[in-house]
Amino acid sequence: MSKQYEVLYVNPPFPVSAREIGWNDFSESCTYEVCLGNRLETVSDSLRVFTPLEISAASYPELDRCELRSLNVPLLKAQLDKLLSFFRPELRLIWVYDPLAASLLEQYEKQNLLYDCIDSFRAFSWSYPHIDEAEQKLVTMADVVLVSAQALYDQKSRFNPAVYLVPNAADFDHFARCGSFAGETDEYKNITHPRLGFVGAIYEWIDFGLIDYLAARNPEWNIVLIGPKQHGLAVPERPNIHWLGIKDYALLPFYLQGLDVMLIPFLKNEITESANPIKMWEYLAAGKPVVSTDIPEVQAFPNSVWIGRDHEEFSRHCATVIRLLQDANGARRISEQARAIARSNTWDNRCEAIREILKKHFQT
């Protein structure tokens, strides 16, 4: 978006001790160092990135999460006030992802407000109590609501007539580099083909039973998992299951190049019913075949995304794709079909759709 607009991107807050920044009793006074300091980064002429501070839970261990968030609002508001001063009021558009932002934003006079809803937040195990009510308030406040999945559209359009479905996408040029690298990572040295891969957050929505089933039923396959793992979750332990941890985004096409079949092994629940997986678009941009569980947002591409409705069918589809890849012409056809889909579903495409929405609702 910064190609067309001046953007100030605000990261999630960074927790610090109250003593460290001299924030006593959450008064409304705020020094420049606290409000901005060296945490405002200029990326380009049209893009700046800011990381706000918030008081850490360790500073007030007697408070629960909701109480601590309420106490942090004045500090966050002081920082936001400084940031908003960079923009003339009539040119501001506040673009919000946090469903709990209403408590902060309602302290301001009317702002041009866009809420971008990318998940069913109430379904996460770590969600705040009453997040439904907070999000509904934000949806009602917003001038425009963007959603990434049909299920989210169905939910939010009941509370706001200006809801638009804009699915996720991929950085096509970045992931299309897959296949252009010489050699492969040493981490694959002892991992033989066929390699079935998952790249993404290894969190509570992953069907570990399915991963274990695939590995146990097909000991000649190697399953490679790349990404952060939620604390407390255990990856099944088998000699043909390999968790490689977090990899730099810049290196993901290189790692994808060494994988044969890409997996979306999601459980079926409210989280995944409302998810439009970015990884699907990235896999396709890399020219990779995809096998997924039966979630709504992956249903539209039968020649590139195979749907497994149970463990046995999922395994059977993986075996089918592996056989197809053994023929050079078949492998090339799969790759071309996948990339053709991804080429029409890039972030540039999505930004153009969003620009049309902004023109309709705001002075831009």
Protein backbone atom coordinates (compact mmCIF):
# COMPACT_ATOMS: atom_id res chain seq x y z
CA MET A 1 0.00 0.00 0.00
CA SER A 2 2.93 2.35 0.56
CA LYS A 3 3.42 2.48 -3.23
CA GLN A 4 0.26 4.59 -3.39
CA TYR A 5 -0.15 6.04 0.10
CA GLU A 6 1.93 7.39 2.95
CA VAL A 7 1.85 4.60 5.53
CA LEU A 8 2.70 4.56 9.21
CA TYR A 9 2.69 0.92 10.34
CA VAL A 10 2.36 0.25 14.07
CA ASN A 11 3.77 -3.01 15.38
CA PRO A 12 2.29 -4.86 18.37
CA PRO A 13 3.43 -3.21 21.63
CA PHE A 14 6.73 -4.19 23.21
CA PRO A 15 6.42 -4.87 26.97
CA VAL A 16 8.74 -3.03 29.38
CA SER A 17 8.74 -2.44 33.13
CA ALA A 18 6.89 0.62 34.42
CA ARG A 19 10.04 1.76 36.22
CA GLU A 20 12.13 1.53 33.04
CA ILE A 21 10.17 4.28 31.31
CA GLY A 22 9.20 6.27 34.40
CA TRP A 23 5.50 5.76 33.87
CA ASN A 24 4.00 6.32 37.32
CA ASP A 25 0.34 5.78 38.10
CA PHE A 26 -0.39 5.92 34.38
CA SER A 27 -0.58 9.71 34.34
CA GLU A 28 -1.21 11.33 30.98
CA SER A 29 2.20 13.00 30.82
CA CYS A 30 4.50 11.34 28.33
CA THR A 31 8.03 12.33 27.40
CA TYR A 32 9.24 12.24 23.82
CA GLU A 33 11.54 9.35 24.68
CA VAL A 34 8.60 7.30 25.96
CA CYS A 35 6.26 8.23 23.12
CA LEU A 36 8.63 7.88 20.20
CA GLY A 37 12.27 7.52 21.19
CA ASN A 38 14.23 5.60 18.57
CA ARG A 39 11.35 3.23 17.83
CA LEU A 40 10.15 5.09 14.76
CA GLU A 41 11.89 3.61 11.72
CA THR A 42 11.84 5.12 8.25
CA VAL A 43 11.73 2.30 5.71
CA SER A 44 11.14 4.51 2.67
CA ASP A 45 9.82 7.97 1.82
CA SER A 46 6.27 6.64 2.15
CA LEU A 47 6.63 3.96 4.84
CA ARG A 48 7.47 4.33 8.51
CA VAL A 49 7.24 1.63 11.16
CA PHE A 50 6.69 2.27 14.86
CA THR A 51 6.87 -0.09 17.83
CA PRO A 52 4.95 1.23 20.85
CA LEU A 53 5.69 0.36 24.44
CA GLU A 54 3.33 -1.17 26.95
CA ILE A 55 3.71 -1.94 30.63
CA SER A 56 4.68 -5.57 31.15
CA ALA A 57 2.64 -8.03 33.16
CA ALA A 58 5.63 -8.46 35.49
CA SER A 59 5.25 -4.82 36.58
CA TYR A 60 1.82 -5.54 38.05
CA PRO A 61 1.58 -9.28 38.70
CA GLU A 62 -1.59 -8.82 40.73
CA LEU A 63 -3.54 -7.69 37.64
CA ASP A 64 -5.24 -9.98 35.18
CA ARG A 65 -4.82 -9.46 31.42
CA CYS A 66 -7.94 -7.32 31.05
CA GLU A 67 -7.02 -5.04 33.96
CA LEU A 68 -3.48 -4.62 32.65
CA ARG A 69 -4.76 -3.78 29.17
CA SER A 70 -7.05 -1.11 30.64
CA LEU A 71 -4.11 0.44 32.48
CA ASN A 72 -2.03 0.43 29.31
CA VAL A 73 -4.58 2.40 27.29
CA PRO A 74 -3.33 5.87 28.46
CA LEU A 75 0.25 4.98 27.54
CA LEU A 76 -0.78 3.66 24.14
CA LYS A 77 -2.97 6.71 23.55
CA ALA A 78 -0.10 9.08 24.36
CA GLN A 79 2.07 7.34 21.80
CA LEU A 80 -0.71 7.25 19.21
CA ASP A 81 -1.33 10.98 19.72
CA LYS A 82 2.27 11.69 18.77
CA LEU A 83 2.05 9.45 15.72
CA LEU A 84 -1.20 10.92 14.45
CA SER A 85 0.30 14.40 14.60
CA PHE A 86 2.36 13.46 11.52
CA PHE A 87 -0.79 13.38 9.39
CA ARG A 88 -3.40 16.02 8.66
CA PRO A 89 -6.70 14.83 10.18
CA GLU A 90 -8.54 14.84 6.86
CA LEU A 91 -5.92 12.51 5.34
CA ARG A 92 -5.82 9.97 8.14
CA LEU A 93 -7.07 6.45 7.76
CA ILE A 94 -6.62 4.26 10.81
CA TRP A 95 -6.29 0.65 9.65
CA VAL A 96 -6.72 -1.74 12.57
CA TYR A 97 -6.11 -5.48 12.98
CA ASP A 98 -6.49 -5.72 16.76
CA PRO A 99 -10.09 -6.63 17.69
CA LEU A 100 -9.54 -5.06 21.13
CA ALA A 101 -8.66 -1.63 19.69
CA ALA A 102 -12.13 -0.16 20.19
CA SER A 103 -11.40 0.78 23.83
CA LEU A 104 -8.52 2.95 22.62
CA LEU A 105 -10.08 4.36 19.46
CA GLU A 106 -13.33 5.42 21.10
CA GLN A 107 -11.35 8.02 23.08
CA TYR A 108 -10.81 9.99 19.86
CA GLU A 109 -13.13 12.14 17.84
CA LYS A 110 -14.46 10.47 14.72
CA GLN A 111 -11.62 9.05 12.62
CA ASN A 112 -11.63 7.36 9.23
CA LEU A 113 -11.49 3.78 10.45
CA LEU A 114 -10.91 0.47 8.66
CA TYR A 115 -10.97 -2.84 10.52
CA ASP A 116 -9.14 -5.69 8.78
CA CYS A 117 -10.39 -8.99 10.22
CA ILE A 118 -8.20 -11.97 9.36
CA ASP A 119 -9.23 -14.59 11.94
CA SER A 120 -12.02 -15.74 14.23
CA PHE A 121 -10.22 -14.42 17.29
CA ARG A 122 -12.71 -15.77 19.83
CA ALA A 123 -11.73 -19.33 18.86
CA PHE A 124 -8.09 -19.04 19.94
CA SER A 125 -7.27 -20.66 23.27
CA TRP A 126 -5.40 -17.51 24.38
CA SER A 127 -8.16 -15.02 23.49
CA TYR A 128 -9.23 -12.37 25.99
CA PRO A 129 -12.54 -12.80 27.80
CA HIS A 130 -15.34 -10.81 26.15
CA ILE A 131 -13.40 -10.47 22.89
CA ASP A 132 -16.65 -11.04 20.99
CA GLU A 133 -18.23 -7.93 22.48
CA ALA A 134 -15.09 -5.85 21.92
CA GLU A 135 -14.82 -6.93 18.30
CA GLN A 136 -18.49 -6.31 17.62
CA LYS A 137 -18.03 -2.75 18.92
CA LEU A 138 -15.07 -2.26 16.57
CA VAL A 139 -17.00 -3.67 13.60
CA THR A 140 -19.84 -1.25 14.35
CA MET A 141 -17.46 1.71 14.74
CA ALA A 142 -15.56 1.05 11.50
CA ASP A 143 -16.35 2.84 8.26
CA VAL A 144 -15.10 -0.20 6.34
CA VAL A 145 -14.47 -3.80 7.38
CA LEU A 146 -12.24 -6.09 5.33
CA VAL A 147 -12.41 -9.84 5.88
CA SER A 148 -10.24 -12.60 4.43
CA ALA A 149 -12.72 -15.50 4.42
CA GLN A 150 -16.37 -16.09 3.59
CA ALA A 151 -17.19 -17.26 7.12
CA LEU A 152 -15.87 -13.96 8.49
CA TYR A 153 -17.95 -12.06 5.93
CA ASP A 154 -21.07 -13.90 7.04
CA GLN A 155 -20.35 -13.00 10.69
CA LYS A 156 -19.35 -9.33 10.33
CA SER A 157 -21.85 -8.26 7.66
CA ARG A 158 -24.62 -8.65 10.24
CA PHE A 159 -23.25 -5.60 12.08
CA ASN A 160 -21.92 -3.36 9.30
CA PRO A 161 -23.11 -2.95 5.69
CA ALA A 162 -19.62 -1.95 4.45
CA VAL A 163 -17.96 -5.36 4.76
CA TYR A 164 -15.76 -6.55 1.88
CA LEU A 165 -14.27 -9.97 1.23
CA VAL A 166 -10.60 -9.64 0.26
CA PRO A 167 -8.85 -13.03 0.53
CA ASN A 168 -5.21 -13.44 1.43
CA ALA A 169 -2.55 -13.79 -1.26
CA ALA A 170 1.20 -14.26 -1.75
CA ASP A 171 4.24 -12.30 -2.80
CA PHE A 172 4.38 -14.09 -6.14
CA ASP A 173 7.80 -12.87 -7.27
CA HIS A 174 9.36 -13.92 -3.98
CA PHE A 175 8.01 -17.48 -3.94
CA ALA A 176 8.31 -17.98 -7.71
CA ARG A 177 12.08 -17.99 -7.13
CA CYS A 178 11.59 -21.57 -5.93
CA GLY A 179 13.31 -23.79 -8.49
CA SER A 180 16.00 -21.27 -9.38
CA PHE A 181 18.49 -22.11 -6.63
CA ALA A 182 21.57 -24.28 -7.01
CA GLY A 183 21.82 -27.07 -4.44
CA GLU A 184 19.83 -27.30 -1.23
CA THR A 185 20.20 -26.73 2.48
CA ASP A 186 22.44 -29.10 4.44
CA GLU A 187 19.45 -29.71 6.73
CA TYR A 188 17.95 -31.88 3.98
CA LYS A 189 21.13 -33.93 3.59
CA ASN A 190 19.82 -36.93 5.51
CA ILE A 191 16.16 -36.46 4.57
CA THR A 192 15.35 -38.52 1.50
CA HIS A 193 12.58 -38.00 -1.07
CA PRO A 194 9.67 -37.97 -1.21
CA ARG A 195 9.53 -35.00 1.17
CA LEU A 196 6.16 -33.71 2.27
CA GLY A 197 6.34 -30.26 3.82
CA PHE A 198 4.46 -27.80 5.96
CA VAL A 199 5.66 -24.21 6.32
CA GLY A 200 3.84 -22.06 8.86
CA ALA A 201 2.86 -21.73 12.49
CA ILE A 202 2.77 -25.10 14.23
CA TYR A 203 -0.03 -24.17 16.58
CA GLU A 204 -3.23 -25.57 18.03
CA TRP A 205 -4.98 -25.78 14.64
CA ILE A 206 -2.53 -28.40 13.30
CA ASP A 207 -3.82 -31.98 13.11
CA PHE A 208 -0.90 -33.79 14.72
CA GLY A 209 -2.86 -37.03 14.54
CA LEU A 210 -2.89 -36.70 10.76
CA ILE A 211 0.85 -36.01 10.61
CA ASP A 212 1.52 -39.05 12.78
CA TYR A 213 -0.81 -41.17 10.61
CA LEU A 214 1.00 -40.16 7.40
CA ALA A 215 4.41 -40.91 8.89
CA ALA A 216 3.37 -44.25 10.39
CA ARG A 217 1.51 -45.49 7.32
CA ASN A 218 4.20 -44.37 4.88
CA PRO A 219 7.61 -44.87 6.51
CA GLU A 220 9.34 -44.20 3.17
CA TRP A 221 7.99 -40.62 3.21
CA ASN A 222 9.69 -37.83 5.13
CA ILE A 223 7.56 -35.08 6.63
CA VAL A 224 9.32 -31.73 7.09
CA LEU A 225 7.82 -29.07 9.37
CA ILE A 226 9.16 -25.50 9.20
CA GLY A 227 7.96 -22.72 11.47
CA PRO A 228 7.45 -21.62 15.07
CA LYS A 229 5.85 -24.10 17.47
CA GLN A 230 3.33 -23.14 20.12
CA HIS A 231 4.64 -23.67 23.64
CA GLY A 232 3.40 -26.92 25.12
CA LEU A 233 2.54 -28.64 21.84
CA ALA A 234 4.44 -31.81 21.03
CA VAL A 235 5.34 -32.75 17.47
CA PRO A 236 4.93 -36.53 16.99
CA GLU A 237 8.25 -38.31 17.40
CA ARG A 238 9.04 -40.60 14.49
CA PRO A 239 12.25 -41.01 12.50
CA ASN A 240 10.55 -39.64 9.38
CA ILE A 241 9.11 -36.49 11.00
CA HIS A 242 11.53 -33.55 11.03
CA TRP A 243 10.83 -30.18 12.69
CA LEU A 244 13.44 -27.70 11.43
CA GLY A 245 12.27 -24.70 13.46
CA ILE A 246 11.90 -21.11 12.29
CA LYS A 247 13.48 -19.98 9.02
CA ASP A 248 13.97 -16.46 7.71
CA TYR A 249 11.20 -15.40 5.33
CA ALA A 250 13.82 -14.56 2.69
CA LEU A 251 14.95 -18.22 2.70
CA LEU A 252 11.53 -19.87 2.42
CA PRO A 253 11.63 -20.29 -1.40
CA PHE A 254 14.99 -22.04 -0.99
CA TYR A 255 13.53 -24.46 1.57
CA LEU A 256 10.36 -24.99 -0.47
CA GLN A 257 12.46 -25.94 -3.50
CA GLY A 258 13.59 -29.12 -1.75
CA LEU A 259 10.06 -30.26 -0.86
CA ASP A 260 7.83 -32.33 -3.13
CA VAL A 261 4.28 -32.11 -1.77
CA MET A 262 3.04 -29.26 0.41
CA LEU A 263 0.57 -29.92 3.20
CA ILE A 264 -2.19 -27.97 4.93
CA PRO A 265 -2.89 -30.44 7.76
CA PHE A 266 -5.48 -28.37 9.63
CA LEU A 267 -8.02 -29.59 12.12
CA LYS A 268 -11.61 -28.71 11.27
CA ASN A 269 -12.80 -26.15 13.80
CA GLU A 270 -13.90 -22.53 14.03
CA ILE A 271 -10.33 -21.27 13.58
CA THR A 272 -9.74 -23.11 10.32
CA GLU A 273 -13.30 -22.72 9.01
CA SER A 274 -12.59 -18.96 9.08
CA ALA A 275 -9.03 -19.12 7.71
CA ASN A 276 -7.86 -18.30 4.21
CA PRO A 277 -4.37 -19.81 4.50
CA ILE A 278 -1.62 -17.55 3.19
CA LYS A 279 0.53 -20.66 2.92
CA MET A 280 -1.75 -22.05 0.19
CA TRP A 281 -1.01 -19.05 -2.03
CA GLU A 282 2.70 -19.22 -1.21
CA TYR A 283 2.87 -22.94 -1.99
CA LEU A 284 1.14 -22.34 -5.33
CA ALA A 285 3.44 -19.43 -6.19
CA ALA A 286 6.34 -21.81 -5.57
CA GLY A 287 4.79 -24.16 -8.15
CA LYS A 288 4.06 -26.86 -5.60
CA PRO A 289 1.10 -29.26 -5.43
CA VAL A 290 -0.93 -28.95 -2.25
CA VAL A 291 -2.83 -31.54 -0.22
CA SER A 292 -5.17 -30.08 2.40
CA THR A 293 -7.78 -31.15 4.86
CA ASP A 294 -11.37 -30.28 4.05
CA ILE A 295 -11.58 -26.59 5.02
CA PRO A 296 -13.76 -24.13 3.08
CA GLU A 297 -11.21 -21.67 1.71
CA VAL A 298 -9.11 -24.23 -0.22
CA GLN A 299 -11.95 -25.79 -2.22
CA ALA A 300 -11.75 -23.77 -5.44
CA PHE A 301 -8.63 -25.25 -7.07
CA PRO A 302 -9.14 -29.00 -7.68
CA ASN A 303 -6.25 -29.33 -10.14
CA SER A 304 -3.72 -27.89 -7.72
CA VAL A 305 -5.16 -28.51 -4.25
CA TRP A 306 -6.20 -32.06 -3.37
CA ILE A 307 -8.72 -32.33 -0.52
CA GLY A 308 -8.52 -35.13 2.03
CA ARG A 309 -11.75 -35.53 4.01
CA ASP A 310 -10.21 -38.02 6.41
CA HIS A 311 -6.75 -39.35 7.20
CA GLU A 312 -6.95 -42.20 4.71
CA GLU A 313 -8.07 -40.01 1.81
CA PHE A 314 -5.43 -37.41 2.68
CA SER A 315 -2.72 -40.08 2.56
CA ARG A 316 -4.10 -41.44 -0.71
CA HIS A 317 -3.97 -37.99 -2.32
CA CYS A 318 -0.37 -37.54 -1.20
CA ALA A 319 0.52 -40.85 -2.83
CA THR A 320 -1.27 -39.82 -6.04
CA VAL A 321 0.62 -36.53 -6.23
CA ILE A 322 3.95 -38.26 -5.59
CA ARG A 323 3.25 -40.60 -8.52
CA LEU A 324 2.29 -37.69 -10.79
CA LEU A 325 5.52 -35.88 -9.94
CA GLN A 326 7.59 -38.84 -11.14
CA ASP A 327 6.64 -37.98 -14.73
CA ALA A 328 8.48 -34.87 -15.95
CA ASN A 329 5.56 -33.66 -18.06
CA GLY A 330 3.13 -34.23 -15.22
CA ALA A 331 5.36 -32.39 -12.77
CA ARG A 332 5.72 -29.45 -15.15
CA ARG A 333 1.97 -29.29 -15.71
CA ILE A 334 1.28 -29.27 -11.96
CA SER A 335 3.80 -26.48 -11.43
CA GLU A 336 2.43 -24.36 -14.28
CA GLN A 337 -1.16 -24.75 -13.08
CA ALA A 338 -0.22 -23.84 -9.52
CA ARG A 339 1.68 -20.73 -10.57
CA ALA A 340 -1.11 -19.63 -12.90
CA ILE A 341 -3.47 -19.57 -9.92
CA ALA A 342 -0.97 -17.74 -7.72
CA ARG A 343 -0.19 -15.18 -10.42
CA SER A 344 -3.82 -14.03 -10.25
CA ASN A 345 -3.78 -13.89 -6.45
CA THR A 346 -0.90 -11.61 -5.51
CA TRP A 347 -0.73 -8.92 -2.85
CA ASP A 348 -0.57 -6.37 -5.67
CA ASN A 349 -3.94 -7.68 -6.93
CA ARG A 350 -5.38 -7.44 -3.44
CA CYS A 351 -4.03 -3.92 -2.90
CA GLU A 352 -5.67 -2.78 -6.11
CA ALA A 353 -9.01 -4.16 -4.92
CA ILE A 354 -8.56 -2.41 -1.58
CA ARG A 355 -7.68 0.88 -3.28
CA GLU A 356 -11.02 0.76 -5.09
CA ILE A 357 -12.77 0.22 -1.76
CA LEU A 358 -10.91 3.17 -0.22
CA LYS A 359 -11.88 5.41 -3.14
CA LYS A 360 -15.51 4.48 -2.60
CA HIS A 361 -15.56 5.29 1.11
CA PHE A 362 -12.82 7.85 1.77
CA GLN A 363 -11.30 10.94 0.24
CA THR A 364 -8.00 9.54 -1.12
